[in-house]
Amino acid sequence: MEEKRVAIPSLGDVPYTDEILTGTTLIACEYDGGVVVGTDSRTSGGSFIAGRVTDKITPVTEHMSILRSGSAADTQAIIDIAKYYAETYT
């Protein structure tokens, strides 16, 4: 993909591509007493930060949480489905 450079008033001359790159950081560490989970707190689209504080950890039950990444609507639908099945089987 060919890289273009565009001027953005607050950032100066930055690389620009037609493609918007996305990504997030999610981590889970297991230890003898359980699991610790963590995420970054920013919502971004490429090099632009759309939101500085986003809660990407959503509890489903007392012992289960979902770490969110990607489209908010998609992840919320998955959380709703997981909560429904957890409540149904409980």
N, C-alpha and C. Protein backbone atom coordinates (compact mmCIF):
# COMPACT_ATOMS: atom_id res chain seq x y z
N MET A 1 0.84 -1.16 0.00
CA MET A 1 0.00 0.00 0.00
C MET A 1 0.90 1.24 0.00
N GLU A 2 0.58 2.17 -0.86
CA GLU A 2 1.37 3.38 -0.97
C GLU A 2 1.03 4.34 0.17
N GLU A 3 2.07 4.87 0.80
CA GLU A 3 1.86 5.80 1.91
C GLU A 3 1.84 7.23 1.40
N LYS A 4 0.86 7.99 1.88
CA LYS A 4 0.77 9.41 1.56
C LYS A 4 1.08 10.17 2.83
N ARG A 5 1.45 11.44 2.70
CA ARG A 5 1.66 12.28 3.87
C ARG A 5 0.70 13.45 3.78
N VAL A 6 0.00 13.70 4.88
CA VAL A 6 -0.95 14.81 4.93
C VAL A 6 -0.66 15.67 6.15
N ALA A 7 -1.02 16.94 6.03
CA ALA A 7 -0.83 17.86 7.15
C ALA A 7 -2.08 17.87 8.01
N ILE A 8 -1.91 17.63 9.29
CA ILE A 8 -2.99 17.72 10.26
C ILE A 8 -2.58 18.84 11.22
N PRO A 9 -3.38 19.90 11.33
CA PRO A 9 -2.96 21.09 12.08
C PRO A 9 -2.37 20.82 13.46
N SER A 10 -2.98 19.95 14.26
CA SER A 10 -2.48 19.74 15.61
C SER A 10 -1.33 18.74 15.68
N LEU A 11 -1.13 17.95 14.62
CA LEU A 11 -0.11 16.91 14.64
C LEU A 11 1.06 17.17 13.70
N GLY A 12 0.88 18.03 12.72
CA GLY A 12 1.93 18.26 11.74
C GLY A 12 1.79 17.30 10.57
N ASP A 13 2.89 16.97 9.94
CA ASP A 13 2.91 16.10 8.76
C ASP A 13 2.96 14.65 9.22
N VAL A 14 1.90 13.89 8.98
CA VAL A 14 1.83 12.51 9.45
C VAL A 14 1.56 11.56 8.30
N PRO A 15 1.98 10.27 8.44
CA PRO A 15 1.66 9.29 7.40
C PRO A 15 0.16 9.06 7.34
N TYR A 16 -0.37 8.84 6.16
CA TYR A 16 -1.80 8.60 5.98
C TYR A 16 -1.97 7.50 4.95
N THR A 17 -2.83 6.55 5.27
CA THR A 17 -3.19 5.52 4.30
C THR A 17 -4.71 5.51 4.21
N ASP A 18 -5.23 4.94 3.14
CA ASP A 18 -6.68 4.83 2.99
C ASP A 18 -7.28 3.86 4.00
N GLU A 19 -6.45 2.95 4.47
CA GLU A 19 -6.89 1.93 5.42
C GLU A 19 -6.77 2.48 6.84
N ILE A 20 -7.79 2.26 7.67
CA ILE A 20 -7.73 2.64 9.08
C ILE A 20 -7.33 1.40 9.87
N LEU A 21 -6.21 1.51 10.56
CA LEU A 21 -5.70 0.40 11.35
C LEU A 21 -6.31 0.48 12.74
N THR A 22 -6.72 -0.68 13.27
CA THR A 22 -7.31 -0.72 14.61
C THR A 22 -6.57 -1.76 15.43
N GLY A 23 -6.71 -1.68 16.71
CA GLY A 23 -6.09 -2.67 17.58
C GLY A 23 -6.30 -2.27 19.02
N THR A 24 -6.17 -3.23 19.90
CA THR A 24 -6.29 -2.97 21.33
C THR A 24 -5.40 -3.95 22.05
N THR A 25 -5.17 -3.70 23.32
CA THR A 25 -4.33 -4.57 24.12
C THR A 25 -5.20 -5.21 25.20
N LEU A 26 -5.27 -6.53 25.18
CA LEU A 26 -6.01 -7.30 26.18
C LEU A 26 -5.05 -8.32 26.77
N ILE A 27 -5.11 -8.52 28.09
CA ILE A 27 -4.21 -9.47 28.72
C ILE A 27 -4.92 -10.20 29.86
N ALA A 28 -4.56 -11.46 30.04
CA ALA A 28 -5.07 -12.24 31.17
C ALA A 28 -3.91 -13.07 31.70
N CYS A 29 -3.74 -13.06 33.00
CA CYS A 29 -2.67 -13.83 33.65
C CYS A 29 -3.27 -14.75 34.70
N GLU A 30 -2.95 -16.02 34.57
CA GLU A 30 -3.44 -17.01 35.53
C GLU A 30 -2.43 -17.17 36.65
N TYR A 31 -2.92 -17.30 37.89
CA TYR A 31 -2.07 -17.60 39.03
C TYR A 31 -2.82 -18.58 39.91
N ASP A 32 -2.19 -19.03 41.02
CA ASP A 32 -2.79 -20.07 41.86
C ASP A 32 -4.18 -19.70 42.38
N GLY A 33 -4.44 -18.42 42.64
CA GLY A 33 -5.71 -18.01 43.21
C GLY A 33 -6.75 -17.58 42.19
N GLY A 34 -6.44 -17.58 40.90
CA GLY A 34 -7.40 -17.18 39.90
C GLY A 34 -6.77 -16.57 38.66
N VAL A 35 -7.44 -15.57 38.11
CA VAL A 35 -6.99 -14.92 36.88
C VAL A 35 -7.11 -13.41 37.07
N VAL A 36 -6.12 -12.68 36.59
CA VAL A 36 -6.17 -11.22 36.58
C VAL A 36 -6.26 -10.80 35.12
N VAL A 37 -7.22 -9.90 34.81
CA VAL A 37 -7.38 -9.42 33.44
C VAL A 37 -7.14 -7.92 33.39
N GLY A 38 -6.71 -7.43 32.24
CA GLY A 38 -6.49 -6.00 32.06
C GLY A 38 -6.56 -5.62 30.60
N THR A 39 -6.85 -4.35 30.34
CA THR A 39 -6.92 -3.84 28.98
C THR A 39 -6.38 -2.41 28.95
N ASP A 40 -6.13 -1.92 27.75
CA ASP A 40 -5.86 -0.50 27.61
C ASP A 40 -7.18 0.23 27.74
N SER A 41 -7.14 1.56 27.83
CA SER A 41 -8.40 2.29 28.07
C SER A 41 -8.76 3.23 26.92
N ARG A 42 -8.06 3.14 25.80
CA ARG A 42 -8.34 4.08 24.71
C ARG A 42 -9.13 3.42 23.59
N THR A 43 -9.99 4.21 22.97
CA THR A 43 -10.69 3.80 21.76
C THR A 43 -10.06 4.58 20.62
N SER A 44 -9.57 3.85 19.61
CA SER A 44 -8.86 4.54 18.53
C SER A 44 -9.30 4.04 17.16
N GLY A 45 -9.01 4.86 16.18
CA GLY A 45 -9.19 4.49 14.78
C GLY A 45 -7.92 4.90 14.06
N GLY A 46 -7.05 3.94 13.81
CA GLY A 46 -5.75 4.29 13.23
C GLY A 46 -4.92 5.02 14.26
N SER A 47 -4.36 6.15 13.88
CA SER A 47 -3.51 6.91 14.80
C SER A 47 -4.31 7.95 15.58
N PHE A 48 -5.63 7.99 15.40
CA PHE A 48 -6.46 8.97 16.08
C PHE A 48 -7.15 8.34 17.29
N ILE A 49 -7.12 9.01 18.43
CA ILE A 49 -7.77 8.53 19.63
C ILE A 49 -9.17 9.12 19.68
N ALA A 50 -10.17 8.25 19.61
CA ALA A 50 -11.57 8.69 19.62
C ALA A 50 -12.07 8.89 21.05
N GLY A 51 -11.55 8.13 21.98
CA GLY A 51 -11.93 8.25 23.39
C GLY A 51 -10.76 7.86 24.27
N ARG A 52 -10.49 8.66 25.28
CA ARG A 52 -9.33 8.38 26.14
C ARG A 52 -9.64 7.40 27.26
N VAL A 53 -10.90 7.34 27.70
CA VAL A 53 -11.25 6.46 28.80
C VAL A 53 -12.43 5.58 28.37
N THR A 54 -12.15 4.30 28.16
CA THR A 54 -13.17 3.34 27.77
C THR A 54 -13.02 2.11 28.65
N ASP A 55 -14.13 1.64 29.22
CA ASP A 55 -14.09 0.44 30.05
C ASP A 55 -14.28 -0.77 29.14
N LYS A 56 -13.22 -1.53 28.94
CA LYS A 56 -13.27 -2.68 28.03
C LYS A 56 -13.43 -4.01 28.76
N ILE A 57 -13.62 -3.95 30.08
CA ILE A 57 -13.84 -5.16 30.87
C ILE A 57 -15.29 -5.13 31.36
N THR A 58 -16.08 -6.13 30.96
CA THR A 58 -17.49 -6.17 31.34
C THR A 58 -17.77 -7.46 32.10
N PRO A 59 -18.22 -7.37 33.38
CA PRO A 59 -18.55 -8.58 34.13
C PRO A 59 -19.81 -9.25 33.55
N VAL A 60 -19.78 -10.57 33.48
CA VAL A 60 -20.93 -11.35 33.03
C VAL A 60 -21.57 -12.02 34.25
N THR A 61 -20.75 -12.66 35.06
CA THR A 61 -21.18 -13.25 36.34
C THR A 61 -20.12 -12.88 37.38
N GLU A 62 -20.30 -13.40 38.57
CA GLU A 62 -19.32 -13.13 39.63
C GLU A 62 -17.94 -13.68 39.29
N HIS A 63 -17.89 -14.74 38.48
CA HIS A 63 -16.63 -15.41 38.16
C HIS A 63 -16.23 -15.31 36.69
N MET A 64 -16.94 -14.51 35.90
CA MET A 64 -16.64 -14.43 34.46
C MET A 64 -16.77 -12.99 33.97
N SER A 65 -15.78 -12.57 33.20
CA SER A 65 -15.80 -11.25 32.57
C SER A 65 -15.45 -11.39 31.10
N ILE A 66 -15.88 -10.41 30.33
CA ILE A 66 -15.54 -10.37 28.90
C ILE A 66 -14.67 -9.15 28.67
N LEU A 67 -13.57 -9.34 27.93
CA LEU A 67 -12.71 -8.23 27.53
C LEU A 67 -13.11 -7.83 26.13
N ARG A 68 -13.44 -6.55 25.94
CA ARG A 68 -14.01 -6.09 24.68
C ARG A 68 -12.94 -5.51 23.75
N SER A 69 -13.10 -5.85 22.48
CA SER A 69 -12.22 -5.34 21.43
C SER A 69 -13.03 -5.29 20.15
N GLY A 70 -12.89 -4.22 19.39
CA GLY A 70 -13.61 -4.14 18.12
C GLY A 70 -14.83 -3.25 18.22
N SER A 71 -15.78 -3.49 17.36
CA SER A 71 -17.00 -2.68 17.29
C SER A 71 -17.79 -2.78 18.59
N ALA A 72 -18.19 -1.64 19.14
CA ALA A 72 -18.93 -1.62 20.41
C ALA A 72 -20.25 -2.38 20.28
N ALA A 73 -20.95 -2.22 19.16
CA ALA A 73 -22.24 -2.90 18.98
C ALA A 73 -22.06 -4.41 18.94
N ASP A 74 -21.03 -4.88 18.26
CA ASP A 74 -20.78 -6.32 18.18
C ASP A 74 -20.43 -6.89 19.54
N THR A 75 -19.52 -6.22 20.26
CA THR A 75 -19.11 -6.75 21.55
C THR A 75 -20.25 -6.70 22.56
N GLN A 76 -21.09 -5.67 22.50
CA GLN A 76 -22.23 -5.60 23.41
C GLN A 76 -23.22 -6.73 23.13
N ALA A 77 -23.43 -7.07 21.87
CA ALA A 77 -24.32 -8.17 21.53
C ALA A 77 -23.78 -9.49 22.07
N ILE A 78 -22.48 -9.71 21.97
CA ILE A 78 -21.87 -10.94 22.49
C ILE A 78 -22.01 -10.99 24.01
N ILE A 79 -21.82 -9.85 24.67
CA ILE A 79 -21.97 -9.81 26.13
C ILE A 79 -23.41 -10.13 26.52
N ASP A 80 -24.38 -9.56 25.83
CA ASP A 80 -25.79 -9.84 26.12
C ASP A 80 -26.10 -11.32 25.96
N ILE A 81 -25.57 -11.94 24.90
CA ILE A 81 -25.80 -13.38 24.67
C ILE A 81 -25.15 -14.20 25.78
N ALA A 82 -23.91 -13.86 26.15
CA ALA A 82 -23.21 -14.60 27.21
C ALA A 82 -23.97 -14.47 28.54
N LYS A 83 -24.46 -13.27 28.87
CA LYS A 83 -25.22 -13.08 30.11
C LYS A 83 -26.51 -13.89 30.08
N TYR A 84 -27.18 -13.91 28.93
CA TYR A 84 -28.42 -14.68 28.79
C TYR A 84 -28.17 -16.16 29.07
N TYR A 85 -27.14 -16.74 28.42
CA TYR A 85 -26.87 -18.16 28.61
C TYR A 85 -26.39 -18.46 30.04
N ALA A 86 -25.58 -17.57 30.62
CA ALA A 86 -25.13 -17.78 31.99
C ALA A 86 -26.29 -17.78 32.95
N GLU A 87 -27.24 -16.85 32.78
CA GLU A 87 -28.41 -16.81 33.66
C GLU A 87 -29.32 -18.02 33.44
N THR A 88 -29.46 -18.43 32.18
CA THR A 88 -30.31 -19.57 31.85
C THR A 88 -29.78 -20.85 32.49
N TYR A 89 -28.47 -21.09 32.40
CA TYR A 89 -27.89 -22.31 32.95
C TYR A 89 -27.76 -22.26 34.46
N THR A 90 -27.79 -21.06 35.05
CA THR A 90 -27.71 -20.95 36.50
C THR A 90 -29.05 -21.29 37.09
